[in-house]
C-alpha atoms as a PDB file:
ATOM      1  CA  MET A   1     -58.428  28.496  -6.308  1.00  0.00           C
ATOM      2  CA  LYS A   2     -54.830  29.110  -7.300  1.00  0.00           C
ATOM      3  CA  LEU A   3     -52.172  27.315  -5.248  1.00  0.00           C
ATOM      4  CA  LEU A   4     -50.468  30.471  -3.911  1.00  0.00           C
ATOM      5  CA  GLU A   5     -53.302  32.985  -4.168  1.00  0.00           C
ATOM      6  CA  GLY A   6     -52.680  36.007  -1.966  1.00  0.00           C
ATOM      7  CA  LYS A   7     -49.274  34.848  -0.756  1.00  0.00           C
ATOM      8  CA  VAL A   8     -46.276  37.184  -0.922  1.00  0.00           C
ATOM      9  CA  ALA A   9     -42.979  35.905  -2.285  1.00  0.00           C
ATOM     10  CA  ILE A  10     -39.589  37.603  -2.433  1.00  0.00           C
ATOM     11  CA  ILE A  11     -37.229  36.307  -5.116  1.00  0.00           C
ATOM     12  CA  THR A  12     -33.670  37.621  -5.234  1.00  0.00           C
ATOM     13  CA  GLY A  13     -31.806  37.988  -8.532  1.00  0.00           C
ATOM     14  CA  ALA A  14     -34.971  37.582 -10.557  1.00  0.00           C
ATOM     15  CA  SER A  15     -34.727  40.010 -13.469  1.00  0.00           C
ATOM     16  CA  ARG A  16     -33.723  37.104 -15.731  1.00  0.00           C
ATOM     17  CA  GLY A  17     -32.780  33.416 -15.766  1.00  0.00           C
ATOM     18  CA  ILE A  18     -33.979  30.989 -13.099  1.00  0.00           C
ATOM     19  CA  GLY A  19     -35.256  33.777 -10.862  1.00  0.00           C
ATOM     20  CA  SER A  20     -37.396  35.248 -13.620  1.00  0.00           C
ATOM     21  CA  GLY A  21     -38.818  31.804 -14.401  1.00  0.00           C
ATOM     22  CA  ILE A  22     -39.676  31.209 -10.742  1.00  0.00           C
ATOM     23  CA  ALA A  23     -41.340  34.618 -10.502  1.00  0.00           C
ATOM     24  CA  LYS A  24     -43.589  33.842 -13.471  1.00  0.00           C
ATOM     25  CA  VAL A  25     -44.620  30.452 -12.078  1.00  0.00           C
ATOM     26  CA  PHE A  26     -45.436  31.968  -8.694  1.00  0.00           C
ATOM     27  CA  ALA A  27     -47.487  34.709 -10.352  1.00  0.00           C
ATOM     28  CA  GLN A  28     -49.369  32.128 -12.411  1.00  0.00           C
ATOM     29  CA  HIS A  29     -50.347  30.456  -9.143  1.00  0.00           C
ATOM     30  CA  GLY A  30     -51.638  33.727  -7.701  1.00  0.00           C
ATOM     31  CA  ALA A  31     -48.719  34.907  -5.552  1.00  0.00           C
ATOM     32  CA  ASN A  32     -47.799  38.565  -5.275  1.00  0.00           C
ATOM     33  CA  VAL A  33     -44.136  38.905  -6.190  1.00  0.00           C
ATOM     34  CA  ALA A  34     -41.393  41.201  -4.951  1.00  0.00           C
ATOM     35  CA  PHE A  35     -38.100  40.595  -6.708  1.00  0.00           C
ATOM     36  CA  THR A  36     -34.616  42.045  -6.731  1.00  0.00           C
ATOM     37  CA  TYR A  37     -32.222  42.920  -9.497  1.00  0.00           C
ATOM     38  CA  SER A  38     -28.693  44.287  -9.459  1.00  0.00           C
ATOM     39  CA  SER A  39     -28.117  45.981 -12.803  1.00  0.00           C
ATOM     40  CA  SER A  40     -30.570  45.185 -15.606  1.00  0.00           C
ATOM     41  CA  VAL A  41     -33.201  47.893 -15.121  1.00  0.00           C
ATOM     42  CA  GLU A  42     -34.890  47.224 -18.470  1.00  0.00           C
ATOM     43  CA  SER A  43     -35.207  43.481 -17.782  1.00  0.00           C
ATOM     44  CA  ALA A  44     -36.580  44.214 -14.316  1.00  0.00           C
ATOM     45  CA  GLN A  45     -39.187  46.657 -15.664  1.00  0.00           C
ATOM     46  CA  SER A  46     -40.201  44.174 -18.342  1.00  0.00           C
ATOM     47  CA  LEU A  47     -40.666  41.420 -15.767  1.00  0.00           C
ATOM     48  CA  GLU A  48     -42.637  43.708 -13.455  1.00  0.00           C
ATOM     49  CA  ASN A  49     -44.990  44.593 -16.307  1.00  0.00           C
ATOM     50  CA  GLU A  50     -45.387  40.948 -17.336  1.00  0.00           C
ATOM     51  CA  LEU A  51     -46.188  39.824 -13.794  1.00  0.00           C
ATOM     52  CA  SER A  52     -48.616  42.686 -13.180  1.00  0.00           C
ATOM     53  CA  ALA A  53     -50.462  41.735 -16.370  1.00  0.00           C
ATOM     54  CA  MET A  54     -51.234  38.382 -14.710  1.00  0.00           C
ATOM     55  CA  GLY A  55     -53.417  40.205 -12.208  1.00  0.00           C
ATOM     56  CA  ILE A  56     -51.099  40.059  -9.214  1.00  0.00           C
ATOM     57  CA  LYS A  57     -49.109  42.720  -7.392  1.00  0.00           C
ATOM     58  CA  ALA A  58     -45.481  42.821  -8.507  1.00  0.00           C
ATOM     59  CA  LYS A  59     -42.580  45.138  -7.821  1.00  0.00           C
ATOM     60  CA  GLY A  60     -38.854  45.055  -8.557  1.00  0.00           C
ATOM     61  CA  TYR A  61     -36.266  46.427  -6.135  1.00  0.00           C
ATOM     62  CA  LYS A  62     -32.671  47.236  -6.948  1.00  0.00           C
ATOM     63  CA  SER A  63     -30.805  45.601  -4.094  1.00  0.00           C
ATOM     64  CA  ASN A  64     -27.542  43.860  -3.280  1.00  0.00           C
ATOM     65  CA  ALA A  65     -28.175  41.066  -0.778  1.00  0.00           C
ATOM     66  CA  ALA A  66     -24.434  40.738  -0.161  1.00  0.00           C
ATOM     67  CA  ASP A  67     -24.804  43.948   1.868  1.00  0.00           C
ATOM     68  CA  PHE A  68     -26.813  43.261   5.041  1.00  0.00           C
ATOM     69  CA  ASN A  69     -28.082  46.847   5.287  1.00  0.00           C
ATOM     70  CA  GLU A  70     -29.517  46.578   1.778  1.00  0.00           C
ATOM     71  CA  ALA A  71     -31.030  43.179   2.570  1.00  0.00           C
ATOM     72  CA  GLN A  72     -32.653  44.616   5.694  1.00  0.00           C
ATOM     73  CA  LYS A  73     -33.984  47.630   3.783  1.00  0.00           C
ATOM     74  CA  LEU A  74     -35.435  45.291   1.144  1.00  0.00           C
ATOM     75  CA  ILE A  75     -37.347  43.297   3.744  1.00  0.00           C
ATOM     76  CA  ASP A  76     -38.590  46.501   5.418  1.00  0.00           C
ATOM     77  CA  ASP A  77     -39.689  47.946   2.061  1.00  0.00           C
ATOM     78  CA  VAL A  78     -41.510  44.757   1.047  1.00  0.00           C
ATOM     79  CA  MET A  79     -43.310  44.593   4.390  1.00  0.00           C
ATOM     80  CA  ALA A  80     -44.366  48.228   3.996  1.00  0.00           C
ATOM     81  CA  GLU A  81     -45.566  47.664   0.421  1.00  0.00           C
ATOM     82  CA  PHE A  82     -47.074  44.162   0.617  1.00  0.00           C
ATOM     83  CA  GLY A  83     -47.880  43.777   4.328  1.00  0.00           C
ATOM     84  CA  ASN A  84     -46.484  40.262   4.688  1.00  0.00           C
ATOM     85  CA  ILE A  85     -43.794  37.846   3.498  1.00  0.00           C
ATOM     86  CA  ASP A  86     -44.733  34.178   3.071  1.00  0.00           C
ATOM     87  CA  VAL A  87     -41.874  32.907   0.926  1.00  0.00           C
ATOM     88  CA  LEU A  88     -38.237  33.929   0.456  1.00  0.00           C
ATOM     89  CA  ILE A  89     -36.362  32.456  -2.493  1.00  0.00           C
ATOM     90  CA  ASN A  90     -32.639  33.157  -2.328  1.00  0.00           C
ATOM     91  CA  ASN A  91     -31.704  32.872  -5.980  1.00  0.00           C
ATOM     92  CA  ALA A  92     -29.123  35.615  -6.628  1.00  0.00           C
ATOM     93  CA  GLY A  93     -25.711  34.197  -7.496  1.00  0.00           C
ATOM     94  CA  MET A  94     -22.723  34.252  -9.805  1.00  0.00           C
ATOM     95  CA  GLY A  95     -19.912  31.992 -10.972  1.00  0.00           C
ATOM     96  CA  ILE A  96     -16.214  32.126 -11.680  1.00  0.00           C
ATOM     97  CA  SER A  97     -14.163  29.540 -13.553  1.00  0.00           C
ATOM     98  CA  GLY A  98     -10.495  28.650 -13.618  1.00  0.00           C
ATOM     99  CA  ALA A  99      -7.928  26.769 -11.575  1.00  0.00           C
ATOM    100  CA  ILE A 100      -7.849  27.288  -7.819  1.00  0.00           C
ATOM    101  CA  GLU A 101      -4.184  28.231  -8.038  1.00  0.00           C
ATOM    102  CA  ASP A 102      -4.943  31.007 -10.519  1.00  0.00           C
ATOM    103  CA  THR A 103      -7.991  32.472  -8.748  1.00  0.00           C
ATOM    104  CA  SER A 104      -7.489  35.802  -7.022  1.00  0.00           C
ATOM    105  CA  SER A 105      -8.486  36.215  -3.384  1.00  0.00           C
ATOM    106  CA  GLU A 106     -10.609  39.209  -4.419  1.00  0.00           C
ATOM    107  CA  ASP A 107     -12.646  37.118  -6.870  1.00  0.00           C
ATOM    108  CA  ALA A 108     -13.073  34.265  -4.402  1.00  0.00           C
ATOM    109  CA  ASN A 109     -14.218  36.644  -1.669  1.00  0.00           C
ATOM    110  CA  TYR A 110     -16.620  38.415  -4.019  1.00  0.00           C
ATOM    111  CA  LEU A 111     -18.226  35.138  -5.090  1.00  0.00           C
ATOM    112  CA  PHE A 112     -18.762  34.018  -1.499  1.00  0.00           C
ATOM    113  CA  ASN A 113     -20.198  37.422  -0.592  1.00  0.00           C
ATOM    114  CA  VAL A 114     -22.772  37.131  -3.376  1.00  0.00           C
ATOM    115  CA  ASN A 115     -23.549  33.405  -3.284  1.00  0.00           C
ATOM    116  CA  PHE A 116     -23.366  32.642   0.435  1.00  0.00           C
ATOM    117  CA  MET A 117     -23.476  35.887   2.427  1.00  0.00           C
ATOM    118  CA  GLY A 118     -26.363  37.049   0.243  1.00  0.00           C
ATOM    119  CA  VAL A 119     -28.373  34.021   1.371  1.00  0.00           C
ATOM    120  CA  PHE A 120     -27.405  34.613   4.998  1.00  0.00           C
ATOM    121  CA  ASN A 121     -28.238  38.334   4.919  1.00  0.00           C
ATOM    122  CA  SER A 122     -31.679  37.960   3.326  1.00  0.00           C
ATOM    123  CA  THR A 123     -32.519  35.062   5.627  1.00  0.00           C
ATOM    124  CA  LYS A 124     -31.389  36.902   8.756  1.00  0.00           C
ATOM    125  CA  ALA A 125     -33.460  39.929   7.757  1.00  0.00           C
ATOM    126  CA  VAL A 126     -36.664  38.010   7.006  1.00  0.00           C
ATOM    127  CA  LEU A 127     -36.738  35.583   9.955  1.00  0.00           C
ATOM    128  CA  PRO A 128     -38.177  38.004  12.560  1.00  0.00           C
ATOM    129  CA  PHE A 129     -41.129  38.770  10.279  1.00  0.00           C
ATOM    130  CA  MET A 130     -41.798  35.084   9.557  1.00  0.00           C
ATOM    131  CA  ARG A 131     -41.614  34.160  13.243  1.00  0.00           C
ATOM    132  CA  GLU A 132     -44.021  36.932  14.197  1.00  0.00           C
ATOM    133  CA  SER A 133     -46.475  35.987  11.433  1.00  0.00           C
ATOM    134  CA  GLY A 134     -46.510  32.311  12.445  1.00  0.00           C
ATOM    135  CA  GLY A 135     -44.450  30.700   9.684  1.00  0.00           C
ATOM    136  CA  GLY A 136     -43.094  30.818   6.168  1.00  0.00           C
ATOM    137  CA  LYS A 137     -40.913  29.083   3.628  1.00  0.00           C
ATOM    138  CA  ILE A 138     -37.293  29.749   2.665  1.00  0.00           C
ATOM    139  CA  ILE A 139     -35.983  28.193  -0.538  1.00  0.00           C
ATOM    140  CA  ASN A 140     -32.271  28.525  -1.251  1.00  0.00           C
ATOM    141  CA  VAL A 141     -31.131  27.951  -4.829  1.00  0.00           C
ATOM    142  CA  SER A 142     -28.096  25.703  -4.605  1.00  0.00           C
ATOM    143  CA  SER A 143     -26.773  23.477  -7.404  1.00  0.00           C
ATOM    144  CA  VAL A 144     -26.012  19.871  -8.231  1.00  0.00           C
ATOM    145  CA  ALA A 145     -22.431  21.197  -8.178  1.00  0.00           C
ATOM    146  CA  ALA A 146     -22.781  21.298  -4.387  1.00  0.00           C
ATOM    147  CA  ARG A 147     -22.816  17.504  -4.350  1.00  0.00           C
ATOM    148  CA  LEU A 148     -20.567  16.869  -7.354  1.00  0.00           C
ATOM    149  CA  SER A 149     -17.737  19.396  -7.223  1.00  0.00           C
ATOM    150  CA  ILE A 150     -16.872  20.665 -10.691  1.00  0.00           C
ATOM    151  CA  PRO A 151     -13.176  21.017 -11.595  1.00  0.00           C
ATOM    152  CA  PHE A 152     -12.178  24.593 -12.365  1.00  0.00           C
ATOM    153  CA  GLN A 153     -15.347  25.836 -10.664  1.00  0.00           C
ATOM    154  CA  ALA A 154     -14.198  25.052  -7.143  1.00  0.00           C
ATOM    155  CA  PHE A 155     -15.447  28.270  -5.573  1.00  0.00           C
ATOM    156  CA  TYR A 156     -18.901  28.025  -7.126  1.00  0.00           C
ATOM    157  CA  SER A 157     -19.213  24.416  -5.947  1.00  0.00           C
ATOM    158  CA  SER A 158     -17.917  25.329  -2.499  1.00  0.00           C
ATOM    159  CA  SER A 159     -20.354  28.209  -2.095  1.00  0.00           C
ATOM    160  CA  LYS A 160     -23.282  25.995  -3.079  1.00  0.00           C
ATOM    161  CA  ALA A 161     -22.133  23.242  -0.695  1.00  0.00           C
ATOM    162  CA  ALA A 162     -22.081  25.895   2.018  1.00  0.00           C
ATOM    163  CA  ILE A 163     -25.669  26.823   1.125  1.00  0.00           C
ATOM    164  CA  ASN A 164     -26.730  23.182   1.551  1.00  0.00           C
ATOM    165  CA  SER A 165     -25.139  22.956   5.001  1.00  0.00           C
ATOM    166  CA  PHE A 166     -26.601  26.334   5.960  1.00  0.00           C
ATOM    167  CA  SER A 167     -30.072  25.210   4.831  1.00  0.00           C
ATOM    168  CA  GLU A 168     -29.935  21.938   6.767  1.00  0.00           C
ATOM    169  CA  ALA A 169     -28.897  23.690   9.980  1.00  0.00           C
ATOM    170  CA  LEU A 170     -31.427  26.497   9.510  1.00  0.00           C
ATOM    171  CA  ALA A 171     -34.273  24.024   8.908  1.00  0.00           C
ATOM    172  CA  ASN A 172     -33.693  22.516  12.343  1.00  0.00           C
ATOM    173  CA  GLU A 173     -33.319  25.866  14.090  1.00  0.00           C
ATOM    174  CA  VAL A 174     -36.558  27.367  12.787  1.00  0.00           C
ATOM    175  CA  ALA A 175     -38.792  24.282  12.677  1.00  0.00           C
ATOM    176  CA  PRO A 176     -40.490  25.216  15.989  1.00  0.00           C
ATOM    177  CA  PHE A 177     -41.639  28.479  14.375  1.00  0.00           C
ATOM    178  CA  ASN A 178     -43.413  26.705  11.472  1.00  0.00           C
ATOM    179  CA  ILE A 179     -40.754  27.947   9.029  1.00  0.00           C
ATOM    180  CA  GLN A 180     -39.750  25.405   6.397  1.00  0.00           C
ATOM    181  CA  VAL A 181     -36.369  25.513   4.641  1.00  0.00           C
ATOM    182  CA  CYS A 182     -34.954  23.642   1.685  1.00  0.00           C
ATOM    183  CA  ALA A 183     -32.133  23.863  -0.849  1.00  0.00           C
ATOM    184  CA  MET A 184     -32.965  23.407  -4.521  1.00  0.00           C
ATOM    185  CA  MET A 185     -30.205  21.848  -6.648  1.00  0.00           C
ATOM    186  CA  PRO A 186     -30.712  22.327 -10.404  1.00  0.00           C
ATOM    187  CA  GLY A 187     -28.243  21.113 -13.006  1.00  0.00           C
ATOM    188  CA  ASP A 188     -27.265  22.854 -16.257  1.00  0.00           C
ATOM    189  CA  ILE A 189     -29.928  25.310 -17.394  1.00  0.00           C
ATOM    190  CA  LYS A 190     -30.001  27.619 -20.393  1.00  0.00           C
ATOM    191  CA  THR A 191     -29.820  31.150 -18.956  1.00  0.00           C
ATOM    192  CA  GLY A 192     -27.673  34.261 -19.124  1.00  0.00           C
ATOM    193  CA  PHE A 193     -25.579  32.825 -16.286  1.00  0.00           C
ATOM    194  CA  THR A 194     -23.297  31.185 -18.867  1.00  0.00           C
ATOM    195  CA  LYS A 195     -22.481  34.456 -20.603  1.00  0.00           C
ATOM    196  CA  ASN A 196     -22.045  36.303 -17.323  1.00  0.00           C
ATOM    197  CA  ARG A 197     -19.720  33.787 -15.674  1.00  0.00           C
ATOM    198  CA  LYS A 198     -16.474  35.485 -14.646  1.00  0.00           C
ATOM    199  CA  LYS A 199     -13.299  33.757 -15.808  1.00  0.00           C
ATOM    200  CA  ASN A 200      -9.851  34.022 -14.266  1.00  0.00           C
ATOM    201  CA  GLU A 201      -7.871  36.811 -15.913  1.00  0.00           C
ATOM    202  CA  THR A 202      -5.023  34.402 -16.663  1.00  0.00           C
ATOM    203  CA  ASP A 203      -4.688  30.630 -16.666  1.00  0.00           C
ATOM    204  CA  SER A 204      -1.299  29.074 -16.014  1.00  0.00           C
ATOM    205  CA  PRO A 205       0.111  26.982 -18.874  1.00  0.00           C
ATOM    206  CA  GLU A 206      -0.038  23.965 -16.570  1.00  0.00           C
ATOM    207  CA  TYR A 207      -3.858  24.251 -16.436  1.00  0.00           C
ATOM    208  CA  GLN A 208      -4.842  26.147 -19.590  1.00  0.00           C
ATOM    209  CA  GLY A 209      -5.787  23.223 -21.829  1.00  0.00           C
ATOM    210  CA  ARG A 210      -7.794  21.392 -19.189  1.00  0.00           C
ATOM    211  CA  VAL A 211      -9.546  24.584 -18.093  1.00  0.00           C
ATOM    212  CA  ASP A 212     -10.619  25.343 -21.671  1.00  0.00           C
ATOM    213  CA  LEU A 213     -11.841  21.793 -22.273  1.00  0.00           C
ATOM    214  CA  SER A 214     -13.761  21.557 -19.006  1.00  0.00           C
ATOM    215  CA  VAL A 215     -15.418  24.975 -19.268  1.00  0.00           C
ATOM    216  CA  ASN A 216     -16.279  24.574 -22.958  1.00  0.00           C
ATOM    217  CA  VAL A 217     -17.998  21.224 -22.353  1.00  0.00           C
ATOM    218  CA  MET A 218     -19.952  22.640 -19.416  1.00  0.00           C
ATOM    219  CA  GLU A 219     -21.014  25.806 -21.222  1.00  0.00           C
ATOM    220  CA  ASN A 220     -22.100  23.810 -24.249  1.00  0.00           C
ATOM    221  CA  ASP A 221     -24.353  21.761 -21.973  1.00  0.00           C
ATOM    222  CA  GLU A 222     -25.763  24.937 -20.425  1.00  0.00           C
ATOM    223  CA  ARG A 223     -26.508  26.566 -23.774  1.00  0.00           C
ATOM    224  CA  ASN A 224     -28.461  23.516 -24.837  1.00  0.00           C
END
């Protein structure tokens, strides 16, 4: 018997990268997979086809978890389509790089909306269903950068540290309902995240050289 046979998992931000990899592993273990994507329709369709070919039920949903109404609609749609939700993996995220002093408030707010509020919204939406069904698992994709803050990626590190604190508090709150929670903290991984990282529009001369050196070293590690 496969480890997750018949279970239903939702994975956010899964059309590529870590989320796509998780979706494939879950499908290999027999789980039915609902996943979200934000823009890459072709990648999402390709993943849906690949997962379905493994003999499980799979469906991609275009959804923005940073919007609670969309997160709620996603959970409602998955319940209607799959009948249950056993696992939620909050994976969707993004990064920005540059000095704190040079980062715009708009970019900082956007990152926290995606990385942190997205986790909150999906979690808030799924908890009633997990409580009523007698349990579940919530896995929040954090980062080693939550524990070791990376210079010139302060907002990414801060958002992931917030996810860790959120996960620890949530685990205690929902333990009586047989809902387990954890934060997963990977290090550098070769994905499209590197290419898609948003950089500050301008770097002050006082920071420019150190920003370039720090980001180049990090991105080289990620690519390899």
